Amino acid sequence: MTKPIVAIIGRQNVGKSTLLNRVAGKPIAIVADLPGTTRDRIFANVSWQGVEFTIVDTGGLEVKPQSTIAQEVKEQVEVAIAEADVIIFLVDVRDGVIPSDLEIADRLRQVSKPIVLVANKADNAKLETEVVEFYELGLGESLAISAYHGRGTAELLDRVISLLPAPLPIEAEPEIMKVAIVGRPNVGKSMLLNALLGGERAIVNDIPGTTRDAIDTLFDFDDQSVLLIDTAGIRRRGRLGVGVERYSVIRALRAIDRADIALLVLDATELLTAQDMHIAGYIQQAFKGIVLIVNKWDLAGAESTTECSKYIRSQFKFMPYAPVLYISAKFKQGVDKVMPQVCQVYQERLKRLATAAVNNVVQQAVAAHNLPRRGRKRLKILSATQAKVNPPAFVFFVNDAGLIHFSYRRYLENKLRQSFGFAGTPIQLVFKTRG
């Protein structure tokens, strides 16, 4: 099941990034009192009243851009509008209705999607009464909020989830390993897809994807059914323009949600960009397996794999478990290593451990390291067990889950990895207070 997408749209400096951080509950987007701070889309998974969705922050929209950067931002915002299930149109109550708001409203009235008009920076009751002037935008009643102070954001989320599409019924399907090919534009995703399907691969058939206009490819690899989810070359209905097709982050989100493993394709001639890191972060948030594919290695020059690996590891410290492969999809160099690596990661995700083995490792870890404490109260880990696979998840029963510190969580994860592997996949650790 793919998560619905909610896009925050508006002109510069109305507080879009502040709203994303408020809803996400943590500082994800860079916030500064300067217009144009956000250019790339930033996103976060959100759960409200048991409903999960992905919220996307966009750059400040100029309907008639006057610069190349503004044009690129507009193209990214157009993708966000096209892919979103619900759109939050954010305005500034202190500025009132200004011409750029009217231009954006004209654009949004052409979209047949739910739109929530939100007047931000209503920091007090007096400012809340001034939202009535936004009726002029022709988008109905506006909600008054203060993203910075958190006023009205609960009501906003209630409105948003009431407009999200109903989840589709889950259909039973055979055991198929789902692999998404994701990455920036022009890194060679389509060429990698073609290389993986070439030669002696037995293609079963092409089937329409569950995401808009994507074409998924089902094929066999060493008696394993594999569904390749391609995010390259996707064409949307209608005339969105050539520039819009260059940007694929939101489409990548949908593909990642559907997949078991993501192949994050990097460009050896341009390591690394913010967009690469955004996509990698989302893969980790979604607890999906990952293989880092450094493509165009034939153009890398004198740089060695050792130097490149050292740099990649320094940037991807948050996922040290990710394997790295160096390939040239164009010349099919190293491509034969991709699917065996993917299958290995998939097997790691399906690994199930006996409770006795898990508890043995956990007790050794507890004995070797001081347990966290608050005042006189010290953490006690009573037992641990593996709760599920794909992704691997472990439940720890403790005397007080509030005593768990991030560093100790990471320590326990490292001990589990040292004993049991789980290469290429994140693992979930859940702590529950017993008694």
Protein backbone atom coordinates (compact mmCIF):
# COMPACT_ATOMS: atom_id res chain seq x y z
CA MET A 1 0.00 0.00 0.00
CA THR A 2 1.39 3.39 -0.99
CA LYS A 3 0.99 6.30 1.38
CA PRO A 4 -1.13 9.24 0.21
CA ILE A 5 0.84 12.40 -0.54
CA VAL A 6 0.03 15.87 0.84
CA ALA A 7 1.89 18.76 -0.82
CA ILE A 8 2.41 22.19 0.78
CA ILE A 9 2.21 24.86 -1.93
CA GLY A 10 2.69 28.63 -1.63
CA ARG A 11 4.87 31.59 -2.47
CA GLN A 12 8.17 32.28 -0.78
CA ASN A 13 8.47 32.88 2.95
CA VAL A 14 4.94 31.97 4.04
CA GLY A 15 6.19 29.26 6.43
CA LYS A 16 5.95 26.04 4.39
CA SER A 17 9.09 24.51 5.91
CA THR A 18 8.02 25.54 9.41
CA LEU A 19 4.69 23.78 8.86
CA LEU A 20 6.43 20.61 7.64
CA ASN A 21 8.66 20.58 10.73
CA ARG A 22 5.66 21.16 13.00
CA VAL A 23 3.63 18.33 11.46
CA ALA A 24 6.61 15.96 11.36
CA GLY A 25 7.45 16.76 14.97
CA LYS A 26 11.13 17.33 14.23
CA PRO A 27 13.34 19.77 12.28
CA ILE A 28 13.57 18.21 8.81
CA ALA A 29 13.43 21.21 6.50
CA ILE A 30 15.86 24.12 6.80
CA VAL A 31 14.01 27.14 8.16
CA ALA A 32 15.29 30.69 7.71
CA ASP A 33 13.59 34.07 7.53
CA LEU A 34 14.76 34.42 3.95
CA PRO A 35 12.75 33.83 0.79
CA GLY A 36 13.80 30.91 -1.37
CA THR A 37 15.45 28.79 1.35
CA THR A 38 13.70 25.62 0.13
CA ARG A 39 14.40 24.70 -3.47
CA ASP A 40 14.41 20.91 -3.46
CA ARG A 41 11.34 19.12 -2.17
CA ILE A 42 11.61 17.91 1.42
CA PHE A 43 9.31 15.19 2.71
CA ALA A 44 8.40 13.28 5.85
CA ASN A 45 6.16 10.38 6.84
CA VAL A 46 3.37 11.47 9.19
CA SER A 47 0.80 9.55 11.22
CA TRP A 48 -2.30 11.35 12.52
CA GLN A 49 -5.29 9.64 14.16
CA GLY A 50 -3.97 6.33 12.86
CA VAL A 51 -3.79 7.58 9.25
CA GLU A 52 -0.38 7.55 7.59
CA PHE A 53 0.62 9.88 4.76
CA THR A 54 3.68 11.60 3.30
CA ILE A 55 3.86 15.38 3.53
CA VAL A 56 5.98 17.27 0.99
CA ASP A 57 7.45 20.75 1.36
CA THR A 58 8.06 22.63 -1.90
CA GLY A 59 9.98 25.72 -2.89
CA GLY A 60 8.33 29.12 -3.20
CA LEU A 61 6.16 29.10 -6.33
CA GLU A 62 6.42 31.87 -8.89
CA VAL A 63 3.74 31.37 -11.53
CA LYS A 64 5.74 33.60 -13.90
CA PRO A 65 9.37 32.85 -12.97
CA GLN A 66 11.99 35.49 -13.72
CA SER A 67 15.11 33.35 -13.30
CA THR A 68 16.40 29.89 -14.16
CA ILE A 69 16.29 28.79 -10.52
CA ALA A 70 12.72 30.04 -10.15
CA GLN A 71 11.78 28.12 -13.31
CA GLU A 72 13.31 24.92 -11.89
CA VAL A 73 11.45 25.43 -8.60
CA LYS A 74 8.22 25.92 -10.52
CA GLU A 75 8.79 22.66 -12.41
CA GLN A 76 9.29 20.79 -9.14
CA VAL A 77 6.16 22.36 -7.64
CA GLU A 78 4.18 21.31 -10.72
CA VAL A 79 5.26 17.71 -10.10
CA ALA A 80 4.17 18.02 -6.47
CA ILE A 81 0.76 19.33 -7.56
CA ALA A 82 0.39 16.55 -10.13
CA GLU A 83 1.34 13.75 -7.72
CA ALA A 84 -0.40 14.97 -4.55
CA ASP A 85 -3.67 13.56 -3.24
CA VAL A 86 -4.36 16.68 -1.14
CA ILE A 87 -2.85 20.16 -1.54
CA ILE A 88 -2.29 22.63 1.31
CA PHE A 89 -2.20 26.17 -0.11
CA LEU A 90 -0.34 28.24 2.47
CA VAL A 91 -0.68 32.04 2.66
CA ASP A 92 0.53 34.66 5.16
CA VAL A 93 -2.25 36.27 7.21
CA ARG A 94 -0.01 39.23 8.08
CA ASP A 95 0.51 40.12 4.40
CA GLY A 96 -3.11 39.63 3.38
CA VAL A 97 -4.00 38.80 -0.22
CA ILE A 98 -1.24 39.83 -2.60
CA PRO A 99 -0.96 39.39 -6.40
CA SER A 100 1.26 36.29 -6.24
CA ASP A 101 -1.34 34.55 -4.02
CA LEU A 102 -4.01 35.36 -6.61
CA GLU A 103 -1.83 33.89 -9.37
CA ILE A 104 -1.25 30.66 -7.43
CA ALA A 105 -4.97 30.44 -6.62
CA ASP A 106 -5.77 30.75 -10.34
CA ARG A 107 -3.38 27.86 -11.01
CA LEU A 108 -4.83 25.68 -8.26
CA ARG A 109 -8.42 26.22 -9.40
CA GLN A 110 -7.44 24.30 -12.55
CA VAL A 111 -6.58 21.24 -10.42
CA SER A 112 -9.32 18.72 -9.69
CA LYS A 113 -7.96 17.80 -6.26
CA PRO A 114 -8.90 18.67 -2.68
CA ILE A 115 -7.30 21.98 -1.67
CA VAL A 116 -7.03 23.22 1.92
CA LEU A 117 -6.49 26.99 2.12
CA VAL A 118 -4.40 27.75 5.22
CA ALA A 119 -3.58 31.22 6.56
CA ASN A 120 -0.31 30.92 8.49
CA LYS A 121 1.31 33.19 11.09
CA ALA A 122 -1.99 33.81 12.90
CA ASP A 123 -0.14 34.01 16.19
CA ASN A 124 -2.97 35.57 18.19
CA ALA A 125 -6.77 35.92 18.23
CA LYS A 126 -6.71 39.31 16.48
CA LEU A 127 -4.78 37.91 13.50
CA GLU A 128 -7.15 34.91 13.34
CA THR A 129 -10.08 37.25 12.62
CA GLU A 130 -8.32 38.60 9.52
CA VAL A 131 -8.43 35.33 7.58
CA VAL A 132 -11.85 36.21 6.13
CA GLU A 133 -10.21 38.32 3.41
CA PHE A 134 -8.81 35.17 1.82
CA TYR A 135 -12.30 34.32 0.54
CA GLU A 136 -11.16 36.56 -2.32
CA LEU A 137 -8.97 33.69 -3.55
CA GLY A 138 -12.05 31.69 -4.49
CA LEU A 139 -10.94 28.52 -2.72
CA GLY A 140 -13.47 28.51 0.09
CA GLU A 141 -12.95 29.01 3.82
CA SER A 142 -9.40 29.30 5.12
CA LEU A 143 -8.01 27.77 8.29
CA ALA A 144 -6.05 30.06 10.61
CA ILE A 145 -2.89 28.51 12.04
CA SER A 146 0.48 29.38 13.48
CA ALA A 147 2.94 26.73 12.34
CA TYR A 148 5.64 28.23 14.55
CA HIS A 149 3.54 28.07 17.74
CA GLY A 150 1.44 25.03 16.78
CA ARG A 151 -1.90 26.90 16.91
CA GLY A 152 -4.55 25.27 14.74
CA THR A 153 -2.32 22.53 13.33
CA ALA A 154 -4.41 19.74 14.89
CA GLU A 155 -7.53 21.08 13.15
CA LEU A 156 -5.56 21.31 9.91
CA LEU A 157 -4.48 17.65 10.14
CA ASP A 158 -8.07 16.62 10.91
CA ARG A 159 -9.19 18.40 7.73
CA VAL A 160 -6.39 16.83 5.68
CA ILE A 161 -7.04 13.23 6.68
CA SER A 162 -10.78 13.69 6.03
CA LEU A 163 -9.90 14.50 2.40
CA LEU A 164 -7.40 11.69 1.78
CA PRO A 165 -8.53 8.89 -0.55
CA ALA A 166 -9.86 5.74 1.08
CA PRO A 167 -7.26 2.96 1.17
CA LEU A 168 -7.68 0.29 -1.49
CA PRO A 169 -8.40 -3.27 -0.33
CA ILE A 170 -5.27 -5.38 -0.06
CA GLU A 171 -5.27 -8.18 -2.60
CA ALA A 172 -3.47 -11.43 -1.99
CA GLU A 173 -0.56 -11.86 -4.35
CA PRO A 174 2.17 -14.45 -4.85
CA GLU A 175 5.54 -14.05 -3.14
CA ILE A 176 7.37 -11.65 -5.44
CA MET A 177 10.51 -9.71 -4.64
CA LYS A 178 9.74 -6.07 -5.48
CA VAL A 179 12.69 -3.90 -6.47
CA ALA A 180 12.46 -0.16 -7.17
CA ILE A 181 15.06 1.64 -9.28
CA VAL A 182 15.30 5.18 -7.94
CA GLY A 183 17.62 8.15 -8.18
CA ARG A 184 18.10 11.59 -9.66
CA PRO A 185 17.34 12.34 -13.30
CA ASN A 186 19.99 11.30 -15.81
CA VAL A 187 21.92 8.93 -13.55
CA GLY A 188 21.16 5.96 -15.79
CA LYS A 189 18.07 4.34 -14.24
CA SER A 190 16.53 3.36 -17.59
CA MET A 191 19.84 2.06 -18.88
CA LEU A 192 20.26 -0.06 -15.74
CA LEU A 193 16.74 -1.43 -16.18
CA ASN A 194 17.50 -2.41 -19.78
CA ALA A 195 20.82 -3.96 -18.77
CA LEU A 196 19.15 -6.04 -16.04
CA LEU A 197 16.53 -7.32 -18.46
CA GLY A 198 18.94 -8.02 -21.32
CA GLY A 199 20.83 -11.13 -22.33
CA GLU A 200 19.57 -14.42 -20.94
CA ARG A 201 16.95 -12.99 -18.60
CA ALA A 202 13.54 -14.60 -19.16
CA ILE A 203 10.99 -11.78 -19.19
CA VAL A 204 7.55 -13.04 -18.23
CA ASN A 205 5.46 -10.04 -19.20
CA ASP A 206 4.99 -6.29 -18.81
CA ILE A 207 2.15 -5.33 -16.52
CA PRO A 208 0.69 -1.91 -15.76
CA GLY A 209 1.90 -0.55 -12.43
CA THR A 210 -0.34 0.47 -9.58
CA THR A 211 1.22 3.94 -9.59
CA ARG A 212 0.10 6.28 -12.35
CA ASP A 213 1.49 5.36 -15.78
CA ALA A 214 4.49 3.45 -14.41
CA ILE A 215 5.34 0.22 -16.17
CA ASP A 216 6.44 -2.59 -13.88
CA THR A 217 8.35 -5.51 -15.33
CA LEU A 218 7.98 -9.04 -13.99
CA PHE A 219 10.81 -11.47 -14.70
CA ASP A 220 12.57 -14.50 -13.26
CA PHE A 221 16.04 -14.54 -11.77
CA ASP A 222 17.42 -17.84 -10.48
CA ASP A 223 13.87 -19.17 -9.93
CA GLN A 224 12.92 -16.02 -7.97
CA SER A 225 10.05 -13.91 -9.32
CA VAL A 226 11.15 -10.28 -9.41
CA LEU A 227 9.01 -7.19 -10.00
CA LEU A 228 11.13 -4.26 -11.20
CA ILE A 229 9.46 -0.93 -10.45
CA ASP A 230 10.87 1.66 -12.83
CA THR A 231 10.74 5.33 -11.85
CA ALA A 232 12.58 6.44 -14.99
CA GLY A 233 10.76 7.32 -18.18
CA ILE A 234 7.39 7.73 -16.47
CA ARG A 235 5.01 9.78 -18.59
CA ARG A 236 1.97 11.38 -17.02
CA ARG A 237 -1.30 12.07 -18.76
CA GLY A 238 -1.83 15.58 -20.04
CA ARG A 239 0.64 18.27 -20.93
CA LEU A 240 2.86 18.95 -17.97
CA GLY A 241 5.83 19.94 -20.08
CA VAL A 242 9.21 18.40 -20.69
CA GLY A 243 10.78 20.05 -17.65
CA VAL A 244 8.34 18.41 -15.25
CA GLU A 245 9.45 14.96 -16.35
CA ARG A 246 13.01 15.71 -15.21
CA TYR A 247 12.02 15.57 -11.55
CA SER A 248 11.16 12.27 -9.97
CA VAL A 249 11.39 12.48 -6.18
CA ILE A 250 7.66 12.11 -5.48
CA ARG A 251 7.38 9.29 -7.99
CA ALA A 252 10.33 7.65 -6.27
CA LEU A 253 8.46 7.87 -2.93
CA ARG A 254 5.56 5.90 -4.33
CA ALA A 255 7.88 3.31 -5.85
CA ILE A 256 9.83 2.93 -2.61
CA ASP A 257 6.63 2.41 -0.63
CA ARG A 258 5.67 -0.48 -2.89
CA ALA A 259 9.11 -2.12 -2.93
CA ASP A 260 11.01 -4.48 -0.66
CA ILE A 261 14.39 -3.21 -1.87
CA ALA A 262 15.45 0.04 -3.54
CA LEU A 263 18.35 0.35 -5.94
CA LEU A 264 19.54 3.91 -5.37
CA VAL A 265 21.45 4.84 -8.53
CA LEU A 266 24.24 7.39 -8.06
CA ASP A 267 26.26 9.19 -10.73
CA ALA A 268 30.00 8.51 -10.47
CA THR A 269 30.69 11.88 -12.11
CA GLU A 270 28.68 13.79 -9.48
CA LEU A 271 28.88 12.29 -5.99
CA LEU A 272 26.70 13.13 -3.99
CA THR A 273 23.79 15.60 -4.08
CA ALA A 274 21.11 16.69 -1.61
CA GLN A 275 18.50 14.85 -3.66
CA ASP A 276 20.47 11.59 -3.34
CA MET A 277 20.51 12.02 0.43
CA HIS A 278 16.79 12.87 0.56
CA ILE A 279 15.88 9.69 -1.30
CA ALA A 280 18.22 7.58 0.85
CA GLY A 281 16.68 9.05 3.98
CA TYR A 282 13.21 8.14 2.79
CA ILE A 283 14.30 4.57 2.02
CA GLN A 284 15.53 4.29 5.61
CA GLN A 285 12.36 5.87 7.03
CA ALA A 286 10.29 3.34 5.11
CA PHE A 287 12.47 0.45 6.44
CA LYS A 288 13.25 -0.79 2.94
CA GLY A 289 16.31 -2.70 1.84
CA ILE A 290 18.87 -0.75 -0.16
CA VAL A 291 21.74 -1.29 -2.58
CA LEU A 292 23.78 1.75 -3.60
CA ILE A 293 24.60 1.58 -7.32
CA VAL A 294 27.41 3.88 -8.48
CA ASN A 295 26.76 4.09 -12.22
CA LYS A 296 28.94 5.56 -15.00
CA TRP A 297 32.03 4.15 -13.31
CA ASP A 298 33.68 4.12 -16.75
CA LEU A 299 33.73 7.95 -16.54
CA ALA A 300 35.13 8.13 -13.01
CA GLY A 301 38.69 8.77 -14.14
CA ALA A 302 41.57 7.93 -11.83
CA GLU A 303 39.47 7.76 -8.66
CA SER A 304 39.67 4.31 -7.06
CA THR A 305 36.79 2.34 -5.59
CA THR A 306 38.52 2.55 -2.20
CA GLU A 307 38.55 6.37 -2.25
CA CYS A 308 34.98 6.53 -3.54
CA SER A 309 33.73 4.02 -0.97
CA LYS A 310 35.37 5.98 1.83
CA TYR A 311 33.60 9.15 0.69
CA ILE A 312 30.22 7.41 0.30
CA ARG A 313 30.51 5.85 3.77
CA SER A 314 31.31 9.24 5.27
CA GLN A 315 28.14 10.70 3.76
CA PHE A 316 25.88 7.71 4.42
CA LYS A 317 26.79 7.24 8.07
CA PHE A 318 23.09 6.76 8.88
CA MET A 319 23.02 3.51 6.84
CA PRO A 320 26.41 1.78 7.20
CA TYR A 321 24.72 -1.52 6.33
CA ALA A 322 24.12 -0.52 2.67
CA PRO A 323 26.22 -2.47 0.13
CA VAL A 324 27.86 -0.46 -2.68
CA LEU A 325 28.33 -1.67 -6.26
CA TYR A 326 30.27 0.07 -9.03
CA ILE A 327 28.90 -0.45 -12.53
CA SER A 328 28.65 0.92 -16.02
CA ALA A 329 25.13 0.19 -17.26
CA LYS A 330 26.08 1.53 -20.68
CA PHE A 331 28.83 -1.06 -21.16
CA LYS A 332 27.18 -3.67 -18.87
CA GLN A 333 30.22 -3.72 -16.60
CA GLY A 334 29.42 -5.02 -13.11
CA VAL A 335 25.70 -5.31 -13.89
CA ASP A 336 25.85 -9.08 -13.36
CA LYS A 337 26.55 -8.43 -9.65
CA VAL A 338 23.38 -6.38 -9.06
CA MET A 339 20.68 -9.07 -8.89
CA PRO A 340 22.76 -11.52 -6.78
CA GLN A 341 23.33 -8.67 -4.30
CA VAL A 342 19.61 -7.80 -4.33
CA CYS A 343 18.67 -11.42 -3.67
CA GLN A 344 21.12 -11.55 -0.77
CA VAL A 345 19.57 -8.44 0.81
CA TYR A 346 16.09 -9.94 0.28
CA GLN A 347 17.10 -13.10 2.14
CA GLU A 348 18.45 -10.97 4.98
CA ARG A 349 15.06 -9.24 5.21
CA LEU A 350 13.31 -12.63 5.44
CA LYS A 351 15.67 -13.97 8.14
CA ARG A 352 13.81 -15.14 11.27
CA LEU A 353 15.64 -15.84 14.52
CA ALA A 354 14.75 -18.03 17.46
CA THR A 355 13.78 -16.11 20.58
CA ALA A 356 16.44 -17.93 22.61
CA ALA A 357 19.16 -16.81 20.19
CA VAL A 358 17.95 -13.20 20.32
CA ASN A 359 17.82 -13.18 24.13
CA ASN A 360 21.29 -14.68 24.37
CA VAL A 361 22.82 -11.87 22.29
CA VAL A 362 20.82 -9.19 24.12
CA GLN A 363 21.88 -10.45 27.55
CA GLN A 364 25.52 -10.47 26.45
CA ALA A 365 25.12 -6.89 25.22
CA VAL A 366 23.53 -5.86 28.52
CA ALA A 367 26.37 -7.40 30.51
CA ALA A 368 29.02 -5.64 28.42
CA HIS A 369 27.66 -2.09 28.61
CA ASN A 370 26.27 0.15 31.34
CA LEU A 371 22.49 0.38 31.12
CA PRO A 372 20.86 3.82 30.79
CA ARG A 373 19.41 5.35 33.95
CA ARG A 374 17.44 8.37 35.07
CA GLY A 375 18.11 9.35 38.66
CA ARG A 376 17.96 6.16 40.68
CA LYS A 377 15.97 4.28 38.07
CA ARG A 378 17.98 2.02 35.77
CA LEU A 379 16.77 0.35 32.57
CA LYS A 380 16.07 -3.38 32.77
CA ILE A 381 15.62 -5.45 29.61
CA LEU A 382 13.39 -8.35 30.60
CA SER A 383 13.22 -10.19 27.27
CA ALA A 384 13.44 -9.70 23.52
CA THR A 385 11.98 -11.45 20.49
CA GLN A 386 11.78 -11.03 16.73
CA ALA A 387 8.26 -9.91 15.89
CA LYS A 388 8.27 -9.99 12.08
CA VAL A 389 10.34 -10.13 8.90
CA ASN A 390 10.55 -7.93 5.78
CA PRO A 391 11.58 -5.68 7.45
CA PRO A 392 13.11 -7.46 10.46
CA ALA A 393 11.56 -6.11 13.66
CA PHE A 394 12.47 -6.85 17.28
CA VAL A 395 10.40 -6.16 20.38
CA PHE A 396 12.18 -5.51 23.69
CA PHE A 397 10.13 -5.78 26.89
CA VAL A 398 11.61 -3.40 29.47
CA ASN A 399 10.76 -1.92 32.85
CA ASP A 400 10.45 1.62 31.42
CA ALA A 401 10.62 2.39 27.69
CA GLY A 402 11.19 6.05 28.53
CA LEU A 403 14.72 5.21 29.68
CA ILE A 404 15.83 4.17 26.18
CA HIS A 405 18.32 6.62 24.71
CA PHE A 406 19.12 6.87 21.00
CA SER A 407 22.73 5.85 21.58
CA TYR A 408 21.72 2.71 23.48
CA ARG A 409 19.21 1.82 20.76
CA ARG A 410 22.02 2.07 18.21
CA TYR A 411 24.27 -0.03 20.47
CA LEU A 412 21.71 -2.85 20.61
CA GLU A 413 21.17 -2.67 16.85
CA ASN A 414 24.91 -2.97 16.25
CA LYS A 415 25.10 -6.03 18.52
CA LEU A 416 22.26 -7.71 16.63
CA ARG A 417 23.99 -6.97 13.32
CA GLN A 418 27.33 -8.28 14.55
CA SER A 419 25.71 -11.58 15.52
CA PHE A 420 23.10 -12.07 12.82
CA GLY A 421 24.02 -9.88 9.82
CA PHE A 422 21.01 -8.13 8.25
CA ALA A 423 23.24 -6.57 5.59
CA GLY A 424 21.44 -4.18 3.29
CA THR A 425 18.33 -3.67 5.40
CA PRO A 426 17.30 -1.47 8.31
CA ILE A 427 15.89 -3.23 11.35
CA GLN A 428 13.15 -1.98 13.65
CA LEU A 429 13.60 -1.95 17.40
CA VAL A 430 10.43 -1.51 19.45
CA PHE A 431 10.59 -1.05 23.24
CA LYS A 432 7.53 -1.84 25.34
CA THR A 433 7.05 -1.23 29.05
CA ARG A 434 5.89 -4.39 30.77
CA GLY A 435 3.80 -4.35 33.95
